[in-house]
N, C-alpha and C. Protein backbone atom coordinates (compact mmCIF):
# COMPACT_ATOMS: atom_id res chain seq x y z
N UNK A 1 -3.92 -95.93 4.53
CA UNK A 1 -3.51 -95.72 2.96
C UNK A 1 -3.10 -94.15 2.71
N UNK A 2 -4.13 -93.55 2.99
CA UNK A 2 -3.94 -92.15 3.07
C UNK A 2 -2.53 -91.33 4.02
N UNK A 3 -2.70 -91.67 5.12
CA UNK A 3 -1.60 -91.00 5.72
C UNK A 3 -0.08 -91.79 5.26
N UNK A 4 -0.26 -92.99 4.60
CA UNK A 4 1.51 -93.32 4.26
C UNK A 4 1.63 -92.64 2.85
N UNK A 5 0.46 -92.18 1.88
CA UNK A 5 0.46 -91.50 0.95
C UNK A 5 1.03 -90.15 1.23
N UNK A 6 0.50 -89.63 2.14
CA UNK A 6 1.13 -88.12 2.77
C UNK A 6 2.48 -88.08 3.14
N UNK A 7 2.62 -88.99 3.68
CA UNK A 7 4.32 -89.45 4.09
C UNK A 7 5.06 -89.24 3.07
N UNK A 8 4.57 -89.97 2.07
CA UNK A 8 5.44 -89.83 0.68
C UNK A 8 5.67 -88.72 0.01
N UNK A 9 4.32 -88.05 -0.05
CA UNK A 9 4.13 -86.79 -0.61
C UNK A 9 5.07 -85.67 0.00
N UNK A 10 4.82 -85.50 1.37
CA UNK A 10 5.56 -84.36 1.94
C UNK A 10 7.14 -84.86 2.02
N UNK A 11 7.53 -86.10 1.71
CA UNK A 11 9.02 -86.23 1.50
C UNK A 11 9.51 -85.62 0.28
N UNK A 12 8.63 -85.91 -0.74
CA UNK A 12 8.60 -85.84 -2.49
C UNK A 12 8.41 -84.22 -2.54
N UNK A 13 7.60 -83.25 -1.73
CA UNK A 13 7.71 -81.77 -2.05
C UNK A 13 8.82 -81.18 -1.80
N UNK A 14 9.98 -81.45 -0.83
CA UNK A 14 11.19 -81.25 -1.18
C UNK A 14 11.99 -81.02 -1.83
N UNK A 15 11.72 -81.97 -2.85
CA UNK A 15 12.39 -82.13 -4.31
C UNK A 15 11.40 -81.41 -5.30
N UNK A 16 10.37 -81.29 -5.16
CA UNK A 16 9.44 -81.10 -6.67
C UNK A 16 8.39 -79.76 -6.11
N UNK A 17 8.04 -78.56 -6.61
CA UNK A 17 6.96 -77.84 -6.45
C UNK A 17 5.84 -78.79 -6.25
N UNK A 18 4.90 -78.07 -5.59
CA UNK A 18 3.71 -78.56 -5.30
C UNK A 18 2.59 -78.95 -6.76
N UNK A 19 2.75 -77.71 -7.44
CA UNK A 19 2.16 -78.06 -8.45
C UNK A 19 2.65 -79.04 -9.73
N UNK A 20 3.92 -79.38 -9.75
CA UNK A 20 4.64 -80.32 -10.64
C UNK A 20 4.03 -81.37 -9.70
N UNK A 21 4.13 -81.87 -8.67
CA UNK A 21 4.05 -83.08 -7.93
C UNK A 21 2.39 -83.51 -8.23
N UNK A 22 1.41 -82.69 -7.62
CA UNK A 22 0.52 -82.89 -8.22
C UNK A 22 0.04 -83.45 -9.47
N UNK A 23 0.41 -82.51 -10.28
CA UNK A 23 0.25 -83.17 -11.51
C UNK A 23 0.76 -84.56 -12.29
N UNK A 24 1.93 -84.67 -11.62
CA UNK A 24 2.97 -85.86 -11.92
C UNK A 24 1.73 -86.85 -11.23
N UNK A 25 0.94 -86.74 -9.94
CA UNK A 25 0.33 -87.77 -9.59
C UNK A 25 -0.94 -88.25 -10.35
N UNK A 26 -1.66 -87.20 -10.43
CA UNK A 26 -2.78 -87.10 -11.10
C UNK A 26 -2.77 -87.50 -12.36
N UNK A 27 -1.62 -87.33 -13.19
CA UNK A 27 -1.56 -88.16 -14.72
C UNK A 27 -1.35 -89.75 -14.65
N UNK A 28 -0.79 -90.12 -13.24
CA UNK A 28 -0.31 -91.41 -13.38
C UNK A 28 -1.24 -92.44 -12.73
N UNK A 29 -1.87 -91.84 -11.62
CA UNK A 29 -2.61 -92.23 -10.76
C UNK A 29 -3.84 -91.76 -10.78
N UNK A 30 -5.11 -92.97 -10.76
CA UNK A 30 -6.52 -92.24 -10.83
C UNK A 30 -7.22 -92.08 -9.52
N UNK A 31 -7.46 -90.69 -9.08
CA UNK A 31 -7.95 -90.41 -7.72
C UNK A 31 -9.21 -90.10 -7.95
N UNK A 32 -9.91 -90.06 -6.77
CA UNK A 32 -11.05 -89.93 -6.42
C UNK A 32 -11.11 -87.89 -6.09
N UNK A 33 -12.15 -87.50 -6.43
CA UNK A 33 -12.33 -86.18 -6.28
C UNK A 33 -11.81 -85.58 -4.96
N UNK A 34 -12.18 -86.40 -3.80
CA UNK A 34 -12.10 -86.36 -2.48
C UNK A 34 -10.61 -86.29 -2.16
N UNK A 35 -10.17 -87.65 -3.01
CA UNK A 35 -8.34 -87.66 -2.29
C UNK A 35 -7.71 -86.55 -3.03
N UNK A 36 -7.96 -86.31 -4.34
CA UNK A 36 -7.62 -85.24 -5.02
C UNK A 36 -7.64 -83.87 -4.44
N UNK A 37 -8.47 -83.53 -3.61
CA UNK A 37 -8.60 -82.43 -2.95
C UNK A 37 -7.85 -82.32 -1.59
N UNK A 38 -7.93 -83.61 -1.11
CA UNK A 38 -6.99 -83.72 0.05
C UNK A 38 -5.50 -83.53 -0.05
N UNK A 39 -5.20 -84.29 -1.40
CA UNK A 39 -3.97 -84.21 -1.81
C UNK A 39 -3.28 -82.73 -1.98
N UNK A 40 -4.07 -82.11 -2.53
CA UNK A 40 -3.76 -80.58 -2.90
C UNK A 40 -3.76 -79.82 -1.54
N UNK A 41 -4.55 -80.06 -0.60
CA UNK A 41 -4.40 -79.32 0.49
C UNK A 41 -3.14 -79.71 1.19
N UNK A 42 -2.78 -80.97 1.01
CA UNK A 42 -1.51 -81.04 2.00
C UNK A 42 -0.28 -80.75 1.13
N UNK A 43 -0.37 -80.88 -0.10
CA UNK A 43 0.77 -80.12 -1.04
C UNK A 43 0.81 -78.40 -1.03
N UNK A 44 0.02 -78.01 -0.75
CA UNK A 44 -0.49 -76.67 -0.66
C UNK A 44 0.16 -75.64 0.68
N UNK A 45 0.14 -76.77 1.52
CA UNK A 45 0.06 -76.26 3.05
C UNK A 45 1.61 -75.92 3.26
N UNK A 46 2.47 -75.99 2.14
CA UNK A 46 3.62 -75.68 2.40
C UNK A 46 4.05 -74.37 3.17
N UNK A 47 5.14 -74.39 4.04
CA UNK A 47 5.38 -72.84 4.44
C UNK A 47 5.52 -71.70 3.58
N UNK A 48 5.28 -70.50 3.68
CA UNK A 48 5.66 -69.66 2.76
C UNK A 48 7.20 -69.11 2.55
N UNK A 49 7.77 -68.60 2.10
CA UNK A 49 9.00 -68.33 1.97
C UNK A 49 8.95 -66.81 1.40
N UNK A 50 10.08 -66.13 1.92
CA UNK A 50 10.60 -64.98 1.68
C UNK A 50 11.47 -65.28 0.37
N UNK A 51 11.69 -64.10 -0.73
CA UNK A 51 12.70 -64.24 -1.71
C UNK A 51 13.62 -62.74 -1.03
N UNK A 52 14.78 -63.49 -1.32
CA UNK A 52 15.52 -61.83 -1.25
C UNK A 52 17.03 -62.37 -2.13
N UNK A 53 17.69 -61.40 -2.38
CA UNK A 53 18.96 -61.58 -3.28
C UNK A 53 20.23 -61.42 -2.40
N UNK A 54 21.22 -62.26 -2.56
CA UNK A 54 22.29 -62.64 -1.76
C UNK A 54 23.62 -62.35 -2.47
N UNK A 55 24.64 -61.38 -2.43
CA UNK A 55 25.56 -61.54 -2.83
C UNK A 55 26.70 -62.04 -2.20
N UNK A 56 27.38 -62.99 -3.17
CA UNK A 56 28.42 -63.83 -2.56
C UNK A 56 29.57 -64.05 -3.60
N UNK A 57 30.50 -63.95 -3.36
CA UNK A 57 31.72 -63.87 -4.01
C UNK A 57 31.97 -65.27 -4.37
N UNK A 58 32.52 -65.64 -5.74
CA UNK A 58 32.62 -66.63 -6.50
C UNK A 58 33.39 -67.93 -5.70
N UNK A 59 34.28 -67.77 -4.87
CA UNK A 59 35.25 -69.03 -4.08
C UNK A 59 34.22 -69.32 -2.86
N UNK A 60 33.42 -68.50 -2.27
CA UNK A 60 32.28 -69.15 -1.33
C UNK A 60 31.16 -69.78 -2.05
N UNK A 61 30.62 -69.04 -3.44
CA UNK A 61 29.40 -69.69 -4.02
C UNK A 61 30.18 -71.08 -4.54
N UNK A 62 31.34 -71.52 -4.96
CA UNK A 62 31.92 -72.66 -5.68
C UNK A 62 31.94 -73.43 -4.36
N UNK A 63 32.30 -72.95 -3.28
CA UNK A 63 32.19 -74.08 -1.89
C UNK A 63 30.93 -74.24 -1.47
N UNK A 64 29.66 -73.47 -1.64
CA UNK A 64 28.23 -73.71 -1.10
C UNK A 64 28.06 -74.84 -2.07
N UNK A 65 28.18 -74.84 -3.40
CA UNK A 65 27.91 -75.27 -4.27
C UNK A 65 28.16 -77.03 -4.35
N UNK A 66 29.52 -77.02 -4.03
CA UNK A 66 29.98 -78.39 -3.68
C UNK A 66 29.63 -79.23 -2.94
N UNK A 67 29.50 -78.33 -1.54
CA UNK A 67 28.80 -78.69 -0.33
C UNK A 67 27.46 -79.24 -0.81
N UNK A 68 26.53 -78.55 -1.20
CA UNK A 68 25.33 -79.00 -1.68
C UNK A 68 25.19 -80.36 -2.36
N UNK A 69 26.13 -80.27 -3.54
CA UNK A 69 25.99 -81.70 -4.28
C UNK A 69 26.82 -83.05 -3.61
N UNK A 70 27.50 -82.57 -2.73
CA UNK A 70 28.07 -83.82 -1.51
C UNK A 70 26.86 -84.51 -0.82
N UNK A 71 25.62 -83.33 -0.25
CA UNK A 71 24.98 -83.57 0.61
C UNK A 71 23.49 -83.94 -0.36
N UNK A 72 23.31 -83.89 -1.76
CA UNK A 72 22.46 -84.16 -2.49
C UNK A 72 21.34 -83.02 -2.22
N UNK A 73 21.80 -81.88 -2.38
CA UNK A 73 20.73 -81.03 -2.07
C UNK A 73 21.11 -79.71 -3.11
N UNK A 74 19.82 -78.91 -3.50
CA UNK A 74 20.18 -77.90 -4.27
C UNK A 74 21.09 -76.94 -3.51
N UNK A 75 21.73 -75.95 -4.29
CA UNK A 75 22.28 -74.68 -3.63
C UNK A 75 21.24 -73.80 -2.67
N UNK A 76 20.31 -73.70 -3.18
CA UNK A 76 19.31 -73.14 -2.33
C UNK A 76 18.91 -73.64 -1.03
N UNK A 77 18.71 -75.10 -1.19
CA UNK A 77 18.60 -75.74 0.11
C UNK A 77 19.27 -75.85 0.76
N UNK A 78 20.79 -76.03 0.19
CA UNK A 78 21.77 -76.01 1.27
C UNK A 78 21.91 -74.62 2.03
N UNK A 79 21.97 -73.47 1.15
CA UNK A 79 21.90 -71.99 2.02
C UNK A 79 21.10 -72.11 2.99
N UNK A 80 19.63 -72.55 2.72
CA UNK A 80 18.78 -72.43 4.01
C UNK A 80 19.03 -73.42 4.94
N UNK A 81 19.44 -74.57 4.67
CA UNK A 81 20.16 -75.36 5.78
C UNK A 81 21.23 -74.48 6.45
N UNK A 82 22.23 -74.06 6.01
CA UNK A 82 23.22 -73.37 6.42
C UNK A 82 22.73 -72.39 7.53
N UNK A 83 21.70 -71.27 6.84
CA UNK A 83 21.07 -70.30 7.46
C UNK A 83 20.44 -71.15 9.00
N UNK A 84 19.52 -71.89 8.69
CA UNK A 84 18.74 -72.70 9.85
C UNK A 84 19.70 -73.23 11.17
N UNK A 85 20.78 -74.03 10.48
CA UNK A 85 21.70 -74.32 11.32
C UNK A 85 22.42 -73.43 12.25
N UNK A 86 22.70 -72.49 11.74
CA UNK A 86 23.64 -71.21 12.35
C UNK A 86 22.20 -70.60 13.40
N UNK A 87 20.93 -70.69 12.87
CA UNK A 87 20.18 -69.70 14.00
C UNK A 87 19.67 -70.57 14.88
N UNK A 88 19.72 -71.84 14.76
CA UNK A 88 19.73 -72.95 16.03
C UNK A 88 20.58 -73.04 16.92
N UNK A 89 21.77 -73.08 16.40
CA UNK A 89 22.65 -73.02 17.21
C UNK A 89 22.70 -71.67 18.19
N UNK A 90 22.80 -70.80 17.83
CA UNK A 90 22.53 -69.41 18.32
C UNK A 90 21.39 -69.23 19.09
N UNK A 91 20.51 -70.27 19.43
CA UNK A 91 19.28 -70.35 19.88
C UNK A 91 18.24 -69.06 19.60
N UNK A 92 18.45 -68.87 18.22
CA UNK A 92 17.46 -67.69 17.98
C UNK A 92 16.16 -68.18 17.01
N UNK A 93 15.84 -69.39 16.61
CA UNK A 93 15.17 -69.81 16.11
C UNK A 93 13.69 -69.67 16.86
N UNK A 94 12.63 -69.02 16.26
CA UNK A 94 11.33 -69.02 16.98
C UNK A 94 10.79 -70.25 17.24
N UNK A 95 10.21 -70.29 18.47
CA UNK A 95 9.42 -71.44 18.97
C UNK A 95 8.33 -72.12 17.94
N UNK A 96 8.42 -73.20 18.29
CA UNK A 96 7.24 -73.69 17.46
C UNK A 96 5.92 -74.01 18.17
N UNK A 97 5.03 -73.80 17.64
CA UNK A 97 3.59 -74.12 18.24
C UNK A 97 3.54 -75.15 18.91
N UNK A 98 3.04 -75.17 20.42
CA UNK A 98 2.92 -76.12 21.16
C UNK A 98 4.53 -76.50 21.93
N UNK A 99 5.30 -76.03 21.72
CA UNK A 99 6.78 -76.28 22.51
C UNK A 99 6.80 -75.37 23.76
N UNK A 100 7.22 -76.35 24.50
CA UNK A 100 7.24 -75.79 25.93
C UNK A 100 8.63 -74.74 25.90
N UNK A 101 8.64 -73.59 26.92
CA UNK A 101 9.91 -73.19 27.07
C UNK A 101 10.53 -73.82 28.14
N UNK A 102 11.90 -73.87 27.77
CA UNK A 102 12.99 -74.30 28.40
C UNK A 102 12.95 -73.46 30.02
N UNK A 103 13.34 -74.20 30.85
CA UNK A 103 12.96 -73.86 32.50
C UNK A 103 14.67 -73.50 32.53
N UNK A 104 14.87 -72.46 33.13
CA UNK A 104 16.37 -72.37 33.72
C UNK A 104 16.85 -72.96 34.83
């Protein structure tokens, strides 16, 4: 049960903040203290992000917002996806833990 719930919660975290999601769950579901603490750990284990200001001209921003709406993402989520994809294509993303180096 816990692994299934964890999967659903991790998917839901993409659309909601951890605190909002945890409060929604605890208000609708009677959770044991042990399960509540486990869920809190899972929800709070999200990656830390850094904030920065980005200046974008109005036409570009309109195009990004339209693209985000087409893919059911927030504008911020769309920008993160665009940046991640560009880094992946340029092979500049840092290696994940446990990932073996590619042999030439």
